[in-house]
Amino acid sequence: MSCLRNYHCRAISYIQFRSSYSRSLNREITNEATEVERRARALRVLDIISSKSGGASNRQDHFGIVQEFLQTDSRQFRGQAISKDFDNSRTKNGISRLLEEVLLEDSSSSVDRVMQPRDGWSFDAYGLSSAVRSCGSSRDFRTGSGFHCLALKSGLISDVYVGSSLVVLYRDSGDLDNAHKLFDEMPEKNVVSWTAMISGFAQEWRVDICLKLYSKMRNSTSDPNDYTFTALLSACTGSGALGQGRSVHCQTLQMGLKSYLHISNALISMYCKCGDLKDAFRIFDQFLNKDVVSWNSMIAGYAQHGLATQAIELFEVMMARSGTKPDAITYLGVLSSYRHAGLVKEGRMFFNLMEEQGLKPELNHYSCMVDLLGRFGLLQEALELIENMPMEPNSVIWGSLLFSCRVHGDVWTGIRAAEERLMLEPECAATHVQLANLYASVRYWKEAATVRKMMKDKGLKTNPGCSWIEINNNVFMFKAEDGSNCRMLEIVHVLHCLVDHMEFL
């Protein structure tokens, strides 16, 4: 693979595609909509977004569900505690039959009775742990909470395997706070429970908590494994913590885990995401047993940083010499590189090449093409592509077109995109703001005010933009219009100095 180093340092011509793009780009665009039709469309948008209720989600807390199970009498519980879709064969010895039996009884004697072996099966911690894992796999979190109740009533809640399975269950259900609470209350923890908790916070990019948990884990009797480090690297990737990611990398080397494929892939992604493409490529080049994820991670890394030439070169090497067959994600990475580099003609040709290679474009590929066309003002072509898609476009595609319309000032196509997106995501605050601005740009003051009022009535607020900076291995996050930083006065003073310096130059 020494040729890869040469490809990394120089640019070569991209693939000579066999297909050609025959459609003319000089089509005359005529807008036949009258002012009356346009106003009718604007009013129709308001009807769409006002007809959707903006009630907040009342997702029930899983620990509240456990209390509900504990307080439910037999008449209420029968027929509803066990999901009809739950398959008893997934658990050891039909343990789900016991859930209803125990929950229908309040006395401890009933628990002792049903735990006795009978009919060729028995109830134990292994079976309960298997039942909880089965609920997590099938996304049946309500029944899983019932097994949590069963663990409490049977005294098996202190078992490390049962506890670990419950932590994974609550983590996967999105109830990270209660997963952490359950984790803290476990009298004994193993590598599974530690890794489950670290990976849960890693999914939310809370790298500081992940590292604190890892430090506590090292001081416990449990040793981290390769999956623990993969979770830590994922947290560093999401938060852009390059210094802390390097520290985790060093520890994987110390523990002799550098030969693990998923760790190498996680390292490539981390270095690419944090902007250190040199180290990412070094790991990629030195690892011999690359899989399609390795190639995809490196290609996507180049694409994210606008290095289209390197991404295309790597794709060429993958096709010609690696023996690894590219998949849909590989093509998405190359398309993204064209998008970031603004290579419209080449992007069209590559998009057409996918079908020649036996891969049908998916939603993400269409989204990438719409964004590529929209960035360069080819809005009608982008709209035509959306309308001719073999599948229904999602909110991301319409949002991409809406953004491009705002940049290039195509108000009415933008209103069409806003209308379609609000039909899919009626509670999207950002789309409301963009739509109000579009109305204002054509002096539809009444409609713009109506949208603003709807936002206020629904309690919709846009999420502030944020950015990160890492100094001495510490990550600092800044949010737009956030003055809570204790050193804000110093920061503003430095910014003013920089502005004065730029004006002087």
Protein backbone atom coordinates (compact mmCIF):
# COMPACT_ATOMS: atom_id res chain seq x y z
CA MET A 1 0.00 0.00 0.00
CA SER A 2 2.97 2.30 -0.36
CA CYS A 3 1.24 3.88 -3.34
CA LEU A 4 -1.27 5.38 -0.94
CA ARG A 5 1.36 7.67 0.53
CA ASN A 6 2.04 9.10 -2.92
CA TYR A 7 -1.65 9.54 -3.54
CA HIS A 8 -1.97 11.36 -0.25
CA CYS A 9 0.58 13.97 -1.20
CA ARG A 10 -0.35 14.78 -4.80
CA ALA A 11 -3.42 15.30 -6.89
CA ILE A 12 -4.16 13.16 -9.95
CA SER A 13 -6.99 13.23 -12.41
CA TYR A 14 -10.20 11.60 -11.23
CA ILE A 15 -11.87 8.53 -12.74
CA GLN A 16 -12.66 8.58 -16.45
CA PHE A 17 -16.31 7.75 -16.25
CA ARG A 18 -17.93 5.72 -18.99
CA SER A 19 -21.26 7.44 -18.80
CA SER A 20 -21.85 11.06 -19.75
CA TYR A 21 -24.36 13.55 -18.57
CA SER A 22 -26.54 14.54 -21.51
CA ARG A 23 -29.00 16.89 -19.91
CA SER A 24 -28.69 20.57 -20.78
CA LEU A 25 -28.06 23.03 -17.97
CA ASN A 26 -29.23 26.05 -19.94
CA ARG A 27 -32.95 25.40 -19.62
CA GLU A 28 -35.05 28.55 -19.42
CA ILE A 29 -36.88 28.76 -16.12
CA THR A 30 -40.31 30.38 -16.32
CA ASN A 31 -42.43 31.16 -13.31
CA GLU A 32 -46.10 31.24 -14.28
CA ALA A 33 -47.47 31.71 -10.79
CA THR A 34 -49.47 34.90 -10.41
CA GLU A 35 -49.45 37.07 -7.32
CA VAL A 36 -52.82 35.61 -6.32
CA GLU A 37 -51.55 32.04 -6.65
CA ARG A 38 -48.46 32.90 -4.66
CA ARG A 39 -50.46 34.41 -1.84
CA ALA A 40 -52.77 31.38 -1.88
CA ARG A 41 -49.73 29.15 -1.51
CA ALA A 42 -48.47 31.24 1.38
CA LEU A 43 -51.83 30.93 3.12
CA ARG A 44 -51.85 27.19 2.48
CA VAL A 45 -48.52 26.90 4.29
CA LEU A 46 -50.02 28.63 7.30
CA ASP A 47 -52.99 26.26 7.21
CA ILE A 48 -50.63 23.30 7.20
CA ILE A 49 -48.55 24.37 10.17
CA SER A 50 -51.48 25.68 12.19
CA SER A 51 -53.45 22.44 11.82
CA LYS A 52 -50.77 20.50 13.66
CA SER A 53 -50.95 20.51 17.43
CA GLY A 54 -47.79 21.50 19.19
CA GLY A 55 -48.22 19.51 22.35
CA ALA A 56 -45.02 18.45 24.04
CA SER A 57 -44.16 14.78 24.23
CA ASN A 58 -45.27 13.10 27.42
CA ARG A 59 -42.97 10.10 27.24
CA GLN A 60 -43.41 8.12 30.40
CA ASP A 61 -40.43 7.74 32.67
CA HIS A 62 -39.30 4.14 32.85
CA PHE A 63 -38.85 4.22 36.58
CA GLY A 64 -42.40 5.52 36.78
CA ILE A 65 -43.45 2.48 34.77
CA VAL A 66 -41.80 0.22 37.35
CA GLN A 67 -43.80 1.94 40.09
CA GLU A 68 -46.92 1.47 37.99
CA PHE A 69 -46.20 -2.24 37.74
CA LEU A 70 -45.65 -2.50 41.48
CA GLN A 71 -48.93 -0.73 42.26
CA THR A 72 -51.10 -2.46 39.66
CA ASP A 73 -53.62 -4.99 40.93
CA SER A 74 -54.37 -8.27 39.19
CA ARG A 75 -57.44 -7.07 37.31
CA GLN A 76 -55.59 -4.11 35.78
CA PHE A 77 -52.42 -6.04 35.06
CA ARG A 78 -53.87 -9.10 33.38
CA GLY A 79 -53.58 -8.87 29.62
CA GLN A 80 -51.52 -5.67 29.52
CA ALA A 81 -48.29 -6.23 31.45
CA ILE A 82 -46.86 -8.66 28.92
CA SER A 83 -46.69 -7.41 25.39
CA LYS A 84 -48.59 -9.63 22.98
CA ASP A 85 -45.66 -9.44 20.63
CA PHE A 86 -43.20 -10.69 23.24
CA ASP A 87 -41.97 -14.18 22.35
CA ASN A 88 -41.43 -16.43 25.39
CA SER A 89 -38.98 -18.53 23.45
CA ARG A 90 -36.51 -15.64 23.43
CA THR A 91 -35.89 -16.03 27.14
CA LYS A 92 -34.56 -18.96 29.11
CA ASN A 93 -37.24 -21.50 30.10
CA GLY A 94 -40.20 -19.21 29.39
CA ILE A 95 -39.35 -16.71 32.12
CA SER A 96 -41.89 -14.20 30.88
CA ARG A 97 -44.62 -16.46 32.29
CA LEU A 98 -43.25 -15.62 35.71
CA LEU A 99 -43.48 -11.88 35.22
CA GLU A 100 -47.25 -11.86 35.24
CA GLU A 101 -47.41 -14.43 38.06
CA VAL A 102 -45.11 -12.49 40.38
CA LEU A 103 -46.59 -9.09 39.62
CA LEU A 104 -50.08 -10.39 40.36
CA GLU A 105 -48.94 -11.31 43.86
CA ASP A 106 -47.74 -8.88 46.53
CA SER A 107 -46.40 -11.30 49.11
CA SER A 108 -42.82 -12.45 49.21
CA SER A 109 -44.03 -16.03 49.59
CA SER A 110 -45.39 -15.90 46.05
CA VAL A 111 -41.94 -14.95 44.78
CA ASP A 112 -40.36 -17.86 46.63
CA ARG A 113 -43.04 -20.15 45.25
CA VAL A 114 -42.62 -19.32 41.60
CA MET A 115 -38.83 -19.42 41.83
CA GLN A 116 -38.94 -23.13 42.61
CA PRO A 117 -38.07 -25.48 39.69
CA ARG A 118 -41.13 -26.99 38.04
CA ASP A 119 -42.38 -28.28 34.72
CA GLY A 120 -38.80 -28.76 33.56
CA TRP A 121 -37.78 -25.10 33.94
CA SER A 122 -36.46 -22.80 36.65
CA PHE A 123 -36.08 -19.10 37.35
CA ASP A 124 -32.60 -17.65 37.90
CA ALA A 125 -30.48 -14.56 37.30
CA TYR A 126 -29.24 -15.84 33.97
CA GLY A 127 -32.78 -16.29 32.68
CA LEU A 128 -33.85 -12.85 33.91
CA SER A 129 -30.80 -11.22 32.35
CA SER A 130 -31.60 -12.97 29.06
CA ALA A 131 -35.19 -11.72 29.25
CA VAL A 132 -34.05 -8.12 29.76
CA ARG A 133 -31.61 -8.36 26.84
CA SER A 134 -34.38 -9.78 24.68
CA CYS A 135 -36.59 -6.79 25.49
CA GLY A 136 -33.78 -4.43 24.55
CA SER A 137 -33.22 -6.19 21.23
CA SER A 138 -36.93 -6.00 20.37
CA ARG A 139 -37.24 -2.40 21.69
CA ASP A 140 -39.94 -3.59 24.10
CA PHE A 141 -38.98 -1.22 26.90
CA ARG A 142 -42.27 -1.48 28.78
CA THR A 143 -41.94 -5.22 29.25
CA GLY A 144 -38.27 -4.69 30.11
CA SER A 145 -39.35 -2.36 32.91
CA GLY A 146 -41.64 -5.14 34.10
CA PHE A 147 -38.63 -7.42 34.35
CA HIS A 148 -36.92 -4.66 36.34
CA CYS A 149 -39.83 -4.88 38.75
CA LEU A 150 -39.48 -8.65 38.87
CA ALA A 151 -35.78 -8.26 39.69
CA LEU A 152 -36.66 -5.92 42.56
CA LYS A 153 -39.29 -8.25 44.02
CA SER A 154 -37.17 -11.38 43.64
CA GLY A 155 -33.98 -9.85 45.09
CA LEU A 156 -32.01 -10.46 41.89
CA ILE A 157 -31.51 -6.75 41.30
CA SER A 158 -28.10 -7.01 43.00
CA ASP A 159 -26.88 -9.59 40.48
CA VAL A 160 -24.22 -8.04 38.26
CA TYR A 161 -25.56 -9.62 35.07
CA VAL A 162 -29.14 -8.54 35.72
CA GLY A 163 -27.97 -5.03 36.65
CA SER A 164 -25.80 -4.73 33.55
CA SER A 165 -28.66 -5.84 31.30
CA LEU A 166 -30.98 -3.25 32.87
CA VAL A 167 -28.40 -0.49 32.40
CA VAL A 168 -28.19 -1.38 28.70
CA LEU A 169 -32.00 -1.48 28.48
CA TYR A 170 -32.50 2.01 29.91
CA ARG A 171 -29.58 3.41 27.95
CA ASP A 172 -30.98 2.12 24.67
CA SER A 173 -34.42 3.49 25.53
CA GLY A 174 -32.93 6.99 25.76
CA ASP A 175 -33.39 7.20 29.52
CA LEU A 176 -29.75 7.89 30.28
CA ASP A 177 -30.33 9.56 33.64
CA ASN A 178 -32.12 6.55 35.10
CA ALA A 179 -29.57 4.23 33.52
CA HIS A 180 -26.88 6.15 35.41
CA LYS A 181 -28.92 6.01 38.61
CA LEU A 182 -29.31 2.26 38.30
CA PHE A 183 -25.59 1.94 37.50
CA ASP A 184 -24.60 3.88 40.63
CA GLU A 185 -26.80 1.66 42.79
CA MET A 186 -25.26 -1.57 41.51
CA PRO A 187 -23.28 -3.18 44.38
CA GLU A 188 -21.02 -4.93 41.88
CA LYS A 189 -20.04 -3.81 38.39
CA ASN A 190 -18.33 -5.62 35.55
CA VAL A 191 -16.79 -4.52 32.27
CA VAL A 192 -20.16 -4.78 30.53
CA SER A 193 -21.88 -2.36 32.91
CA TRP A 194 -18.98 0.10 32.86
CA THR A 195 -18.76 0.02 29.06
CA ALA A 196 -22.54 0.32 28.67
CA MET A 197 -22.59 3.46 30.80
CA ILE A 198 -19.58 5.01 29.06
CA SER A 199 -21.06 4.32 25.62
CA GLY A 200 -24.36 5.87 26.70
CA PHE A 201 -22.71 9.19 27.54
CA ALA A 202 -20.53 8.86 24.45
CA GLN A 203 -23.67 8.89 22.30
CA GLU A 204 -24.40 12.34 23.73
CA TRP A 205 -20.76 13.43 23.26
CA ARG A 206 -20.31 14.03 26.99
CA VAL A 207 -16.63 13.27 26.89
CA ASP A 208 -15.86 14.64 30.37
CA ILE A 209 -18.28 12.22 32.05
CA CYS A 210 -16.98 9.37 29.91
CA LEU A 211 -13.42 10.03 31.04
CA LYS A 212 -14.49 10.31 34.69
CA LEU A 213 -16.25 6.97 34.45
CA TYR A 214 -13.20 5.48 32.79
CA SER A 215 -10.97 6.78 35.59
CA LYS A 216 -13.27 5.21 38.19
CA MET A 217 -13.28 1.99 36.21
CA ARG A 218 -9.48 1.82 36.27
CA ASN A 219 -9.60 2.16 40.05
CA SER A 220 -12.12 -0.67 40.33
CA THR A 221 -11.67 -4.39 39.87
CA SER A 222 -12.84 -4.24 36.23
CA ASP A 223 -10.34 -3.80 33.42
CA PRO A 224 -11.41 -1.96 30.24
CA ASN A 225 -11.62 -3.92 27.01
CA ASP A 226 -11.58 -3.00 23.33
CA TYR A 227 -15.25 -1.97 23.37
CA THR A 228 -14.60 0.39 26.28
CA PHE A 229 -11.94 2.21 24.27
CA THR A 230 -14.15 2.28 21.19
CA ALA A 231 -16.81 4.07 23.24
CA LEU A 232 -14.26 6.55 24.61
CA LEU A 233 -12.98 7.30 21.12
CA SER A 234 -16.55 7.82 19.96
CA ALA A 235 -17.05 10.44 22.68
CA CYS A 236 -13.86 12.22 21.66
CA THR A 237 -14.95 12.12 18.00
CA GLY A 238 -18.33 13.69 18.69
CA SER A 239 -16.94 16.50 20.83
CA GLY A 240 -13.82 17.16 18.77
CA ALA A 241 -11.54 16.49 21.75
CA LEU A 242 -8.31 15.76 19.90
CA GLY A 243 -6.01 15.91 22.92
CA GLN A 244 -8.13 13.53 24.95
CA GLY A 245 -8.49 11.29 21.92
CA ARG A 246 -4.72 11.09 21.65
CA SER A 247 -4.55 10.10 25.31
CA VAL A 248 -7.04 7.28 24.70
CA HIS A 249 -5.01 6.24 21.65
CA CYS A 250 -1.87 5.96 23.79
CA GLN A 251 -3.68 3.77 26.29
CA THR A 252 -4.86 1.41 23.56
CA LEU A 253 -1.23 1.04 22.53
CA GLN A 254 -0.15 0.38 26.11
CA MET A 255 -2.76 -2.35 26.46
CA GLY A 256 -1.80 -3.99 23.17
CA LEU A 257 -5.10 -3.31 21.41
CA LYS A 258 -3.73 -1.68 18.26
CA SER A 259 -4.45 -4.79 16.17
CA TYR A 260 -8.21 -4.59 16.77
CA LEU A 261 -9.99 -3.52 13.60
CA HIS A 262 -12.83 -1.61 15.26
CA ILE A 263 -10.35 0.37 17.39
CA SER A 264 -8.35 1.33 14.31
CA ASN A 265 -11.52 2.41 12.54
CA ALA A 266 -12.57 4.45 15.58
CA LEU A 267 -9.14 6.12 15.63
CA ILE A 268 -9.36 6.99 11.93
CA SER A 269 -12.78 8.56 12.47
CA MET A 270 -11.60 10.45 15.55
CA TYR A 271 -8.53 11.95 13.89
CA CYS A 272 -10.51 12.84 10.75
CA LYS A 273 -13.28 14.49 12.73
CA CYS A 274 -10.77 16.47 14.77
CA GLY A 275 -8.96 17.66 11.65
CA ASP A 276 -5.75 15.65 12.00
CA LEU A 277 -5.83 13.94 8.61
CA LYS A 278 -2.13 13.20 8.70
CA ASP A 279 -2.40 10.90 11.72
CA ALA A 280 -5.65 9.46 10.43
CA PHE A 281 -3.97 8.45 7.18
CA ARG A 282 -0.94 7.09 9.04
CA ILE A 283 -3.15 4.70 11.00
CA PHE A 284 -5.11 3.83 7.86
CA ASP A 285 -1.96 3.16 5.83
CA GLN A 286 -0.25 1.06 8.48
CA PHE A 287 -3.22 -1.19 9.18
CA LEU A 288 -3.13 -4.18 6.83
CA ASN A 289 -6.52 -5.79 7.38
CA LYS A 290 -8.68 -2.92 6.25
CA ASP A 291 -12.39 -3.44 5.77
CA VAL A 292 -14.96 -1.29 3.98
CA VAL A 293 -15.47 0.78 7.16
CA SER A 294 -11.77 1.71 7.16
CA TRP A 295 -11.92 2.93 3.57
CA ASN A 296 -15.21 4.74 4.12
CA SER A 297 -13.90 6.53 7.22
CA MET A 298 -10.82 7.82 5.42
CA ILE A 299 -12.73 8.85 2.29
CA ALA A 300 -15.35 10.62 4.40
CA GLY A 301 -12.59 12.38 6.34
CA TYR A 302 -11.14 13.83 3.16
CA ALA A 303 -14.61 14.80 1.97
CA GLN A 304 -15.45 16.64 5.19
CA HIS A 305 -12.37 18.82 4.79
CA GLY A 306 -12.98 19.60 1.12
CA LEU A 307 -10.11 17.43 -0.15
CA ALA A 308 -11.98 16.04 -3.12
CA THR A 309 -8.87 15.01 -5.03
CA GLN A 310 -7.57 12.83 -2.20
CA ALA A 311 -10.99 11.28 -1.65
CA ILE A 312 -11.28 10.37 -5.34
CA GLU A 313 -7.73 9.02 -5.44
CA LEU A 314 -8.45 6.80 -2.46
CA PHE A 315 -11.63 5.56 -4.10
CA GLU A 316 -9.63 4.66 -7.22
CA VAL A 317 -7.14 2.67 -5.16
CA MET A 318 -9.99 0.94 -3.32
CA MET A 319 -11.59 -0.10 -6.61
CA ALA A 320 -8.39 -1.17 -8.36
CA ARG A 321 -6.10 -2.66 -5.74
CA SER A 322 -7.70 -3.27 -2.36
CA GLY A 323 -10.03 -6.13 -3.14
CA THR A 324 -12.68 -4.41 -1.00
CA LYS A 325 -15.97 -3.74 -2.71
CA PRO A 326 -17.35 -0.22 -2.13
CA ASP A 327 -20.82 0.07 -0.67
CA ALA A 328 -23.46 2.80 -0.57
CA ILE A 329 -21.58 4.67 2.18
CA THR A 330 -18.43 4.72 0.04
CA TYR A 331 -20.28 6.40 -2.80
CA LEU A 332 -21.86 8.83 -0.36
CA GLY A 333 -18.41 9.84 0.85
CA VAL A 334 -17.17 10.52 -2.68
CA LEU A 335 -20.35 12.44 -3.53
CA SER A 336 -19.80 14.53 -0.40
CA SER A 337 -16.31 15.36 -1.58
CA TYR A 338 -17.73 16.66 -4.86
CA ARG A 339 -20.26 18.69 -2.90
CA HIS A 340 -17.65 20.30 -0.66
CA ALA A 341 -15.36 21.01 -3.61
CA GLY A 342 -18.19 22.36 -5.78
CA LEU A 343 -17.63 19.92 -8.65
CA VAL A 344 -21.14 19.87 -10.06
CA LYS A 345 -20.47 18.18 -13.41
CA GLU A 346 -18.33 15.47 -11.86
CA GLY A 347 -20.89 14.92 -9.12
CA ARG A 348 -23.64 14.33 -11.66
CA MET A 349 -21.51 11.81 -13.53
CA PHE A 350 -20.56 9.95 -10.36
CA PHE A 351 -24.20 9.86 -9.27
CA ASN A 352 -25.10 8.21 -12.58
CA LEU A 353 -22.18 5.80 -12.21
CA MET A 354 -23.74 4.29 -9.09
CA GLU A 355 -26.47 2.50 -11.00
CA GLU A 356 -23.95 1.24 -13.54
CA GLN A 357 -22.12 -0.38 -10.63
CA GLY A 358 -25.35 -2.03 -9.45
CA LEU A 359 -26.10 0.34 -6.56
CA LYS A 360 -29.38 2.23 -6.46
CA PRO A 361 -29.07 5.72 -4.96
CA GLU A 362 -30.66 6.06 -1.55
CA LEU A 363 -32.12 9.07 0.27
CA ASN A 364 -28.71 10.22 1.48
CA HIS A 365 -27.31 10.20 -2.04
CA TYR A 366 -30.23 12.24 -3.35
CA SER A 367 -29.83 14.64 -0.42
CA CYS A 368 -26.17 15.10 -1.28
CA MET A 369 -26.99 15.83 -4.94
CA VAL A 370 -29.74 18.30 -4.02
CA ASP A 371 -27.28 20.14 -1.79
CA LEU A 372 -24.60 20.12 -4.50
CA LEU A 373 -26.99 21.57 -7.10
CA GLY A 374 -28.51 24.03 -4.65
CA ARG A 375 -25.18 25.46 -3.55
CA PHE A 376 -24.52 26.63 -7.10
CA GLY A 377 -27.95 28.04 -7.71
CA LEU A 378 -29.30 25.20 -9.86
CA LEU A 379 -32.49 25.28 -7.84
CA GLN A 380 -34.95 24.20 -10.53
CA GLU A 381 -32.75 21.23 -11.41
CA ALA A 382 -32.60 20.32 -7.72
CA LEU A 383 -36.38 20.60 -7.45
CA GLU A 384 -36.83 18.42 -10.52
CA LEU A 385 -34.50 15.82 -9.01
CA ILE A 386 -36.59 15.77 -5.84
CA GLU A 387 -39.86 15.42 -7.73
CA ASN A 388 -38.50 12.50 -9.80
CA MET A 389 -37.07 10.55 -6.86
CA PRO A 390 -38.26 6.92 -6.67
CA MET A 391 -38.92 7.39 -2.93
CA GLU A 392 -40.57 10.07 -0.85
CA PRO A 393 -38.13 12.90 0.05
CA ASN A 394 -37.51 13.50 3.74
CA SER A 395 -37.28 16.72 5.71
CA VAL A 396 -33.50 16.88 5.29
CA ILE A 397 -33.80 17.10 1.51
CA TRP A 398 -36.43 19.83 1.63
CA GLY A 399 -34.40 21.64 4.28
CA SER A 400 -31.34 21.57 2.05
CA LEU A 401 -33.33 23.08 -0.83
CA LEU A 402 -34.80 25.68 1.51
CA PHE A 403 -31.34 26.78 2.64
CA SER A 404 -30.14 27.08 -0.95
CA CYS A 405 -33.21 29.13 -1.87
CA ARG A 406 -32.44 31.57 0.93
CA VAL A 407 -28.83 31.91 -0.22
CA HIS A 408 -29.77 32.53 -3.85
CA GLY A 409 -32.93 34.53 -3.19
CA ASP A 410 -35.46 32.22 -4.83
CA VAL A 411 -38.34 33.09 -2.51
CA TRP A 412 -41.15 31.09 -4.07
CA THR A 413 -39.22 27.87 -4.46
CA GLY A 414 -38.15 28.43 -0.86
CA ILE A 415 -41.77 28.72 0.24
CA ARG A 416 -42.53 25.47 -1.59
CA ALA A 417 -39.63 23.79 0.24
CA ALA A 418 -40.77 25.23 3.58
CA GLU A 419 -44.30 23.98 2.96
CA GLU A 420 -43.10 20.46 2.24
CA ARG A 421 -40.75 20.40 5.20
CA LEU A 422 -43.37 21.65 7.65
CA MET A 423 -45.69 18.87 6.51
CA LEU A 424 -43.00 16.40 7.62
CA GLU A 425 -41.76 18.30 10.70
CA PRO A 426 -44.48 20.72 11.83
CA GLU A 427 -42.63 21.47 15.09
CA CYS A 428 -39.34 22.53 13.47
CA ALA A 429 -38.55 25.96 14.88
CA ALA A 430 -35.79 26.69 12.34
CA THR A 431 -38.16 26.19 9.41
CA HIS A 432 -40.68 28.57 10.99
CA VAL A 433 -37.99 31.24 11.28
CA GLN A 434 -36.83 30.74 7.69
CA LEU A 435 -40.41 30.85 6.42
CA ALA A 436 -41.13 34.07 8.30
CA ASN A 437 -38.02 35.64 6.79
CA LEU A 438 -39.08 34.54 3.31
CA TYR A 439 -42.49 36.14 3.78
CA ALA A 440 -40.86 39.34 4.99
CA SER A 441 -38.57 39.44 1.95
CA VAL A 442 -41.61 39.71 -0.36
CA ARG A 443 -43.45 42.08 2.02
CA TYR A 444 -45.98 39.51 3.20
CA TRP A 445 -45.90 41.12 6.62
CA LYS A 446 -49.17 39.61 7.81
CA GLU A 447 -48.09 36.05 6.99
CA ALA A 448 -44.66 36.61 8.55
CA ALA A 449 -46.29 37.89 11.75
CA THR A 450 -48.65 34.90 11.77
CA VAL A 451 -45.74 32.46 11.62
CA ARG A 452 -43.97 34.26 14.45
CA LYS A 453 -47.14 34.15 16.54
CA MET A 454 -47.52 30.43 15.87
CA MET A 455 -44.00 29.86 17.11
CA LYS A 456 -44.76 31.77 20.28
CA ASP A 457 -48.05 29.96 20.87
CA LYS A 458 -46.40 26.56 20.39
CA GLY A 459 -43.42 27.49 22.54
CA LEU A 460 -40.98 26.75 19.72
CA LYS A 461 -37.45 28.06 20.09
CA THR A 462 -34.45 27.56 17.86
CA ASN A 463 -31.44 25.79 19.29
CA PRO A 464 -28.51 28.20 19.60
CA GLY A 465 -25.46 27.53 17.49
CA CYS A 466 -22.40 26.35 19.36
CA SER A 467 -18.72 25.75 18.79
CA TRP A 468 -15.90 24.02 20.62
CA ILE A 469 -12.28 24.85 21.23
CA GLU A 470 -9.71 22.66 22.94
CA ILE A 471 -6.98 24.22 25.09
CA ASN A 472 -4.57 22.09 27.12
CA ASN A 473 -6.75 19.00 26.63
CA ASN A 474 -9.80 20.81 28.00
CA VAL A 475 -12.79 21.35 25.71
CA PHE A 476 -14.66 24.65 26.02
CA MET A 477 -18.07 25.10 24.39
CA PHE A 478 -19.52 28.45 23.37
CA LYS A 479 -23.17 29.00 22.51
CA ALA A 480 -24.60 31.89 20.53
CA GLU A 481 -25.82 34.74 22.75
CA ASP A 482 -24.58 32.94 25.86
CA GLY A 483 -22.99 35.30 28.38
CA SER A 484 -22.58 32.78 31.20
CA ASN A 485 -18.85 32.29 30.66
CA CYS A 486 -17.03 33.75 33.65
CA ARG A 487 -14.31 35.18 31.40
CA MET A 488 -16.68 36.75 28.88
CA LEU A 489 -15.34 40.28 29.43
CA GLU A 490 -11.81 39.15 28.63
CA ILE A 491 -13.03 37.26 25.55
CA VAL A 492 -14.94 40.29 24.25
CA HIS A 493 -11.92 42.52 24.85
CA VAL A 494 -9.69 40.19 22.78
CA LEU A 495 -12.30 40.10 20.01
CA HIS A 496 -12.40 43.89 19.89
CA CYS A 497 -8.61 43.98 19.65
CA LEU A 498 -8.70 41.51 16.77
CA VAL A 499 -11.35 43.58 14.94
CA ASP A 500 -9.30 46.76 15.37
CA HIS A 501 -6.22 44.94 14.09
CA MET A 502 -8.03 43.67 10.97
CA GLU A 503 -9.44 47.14 10.23
CA PHE A 504 -5.97 48.65 10.59
CA LEU A 505 -4.57 46.14 8.10
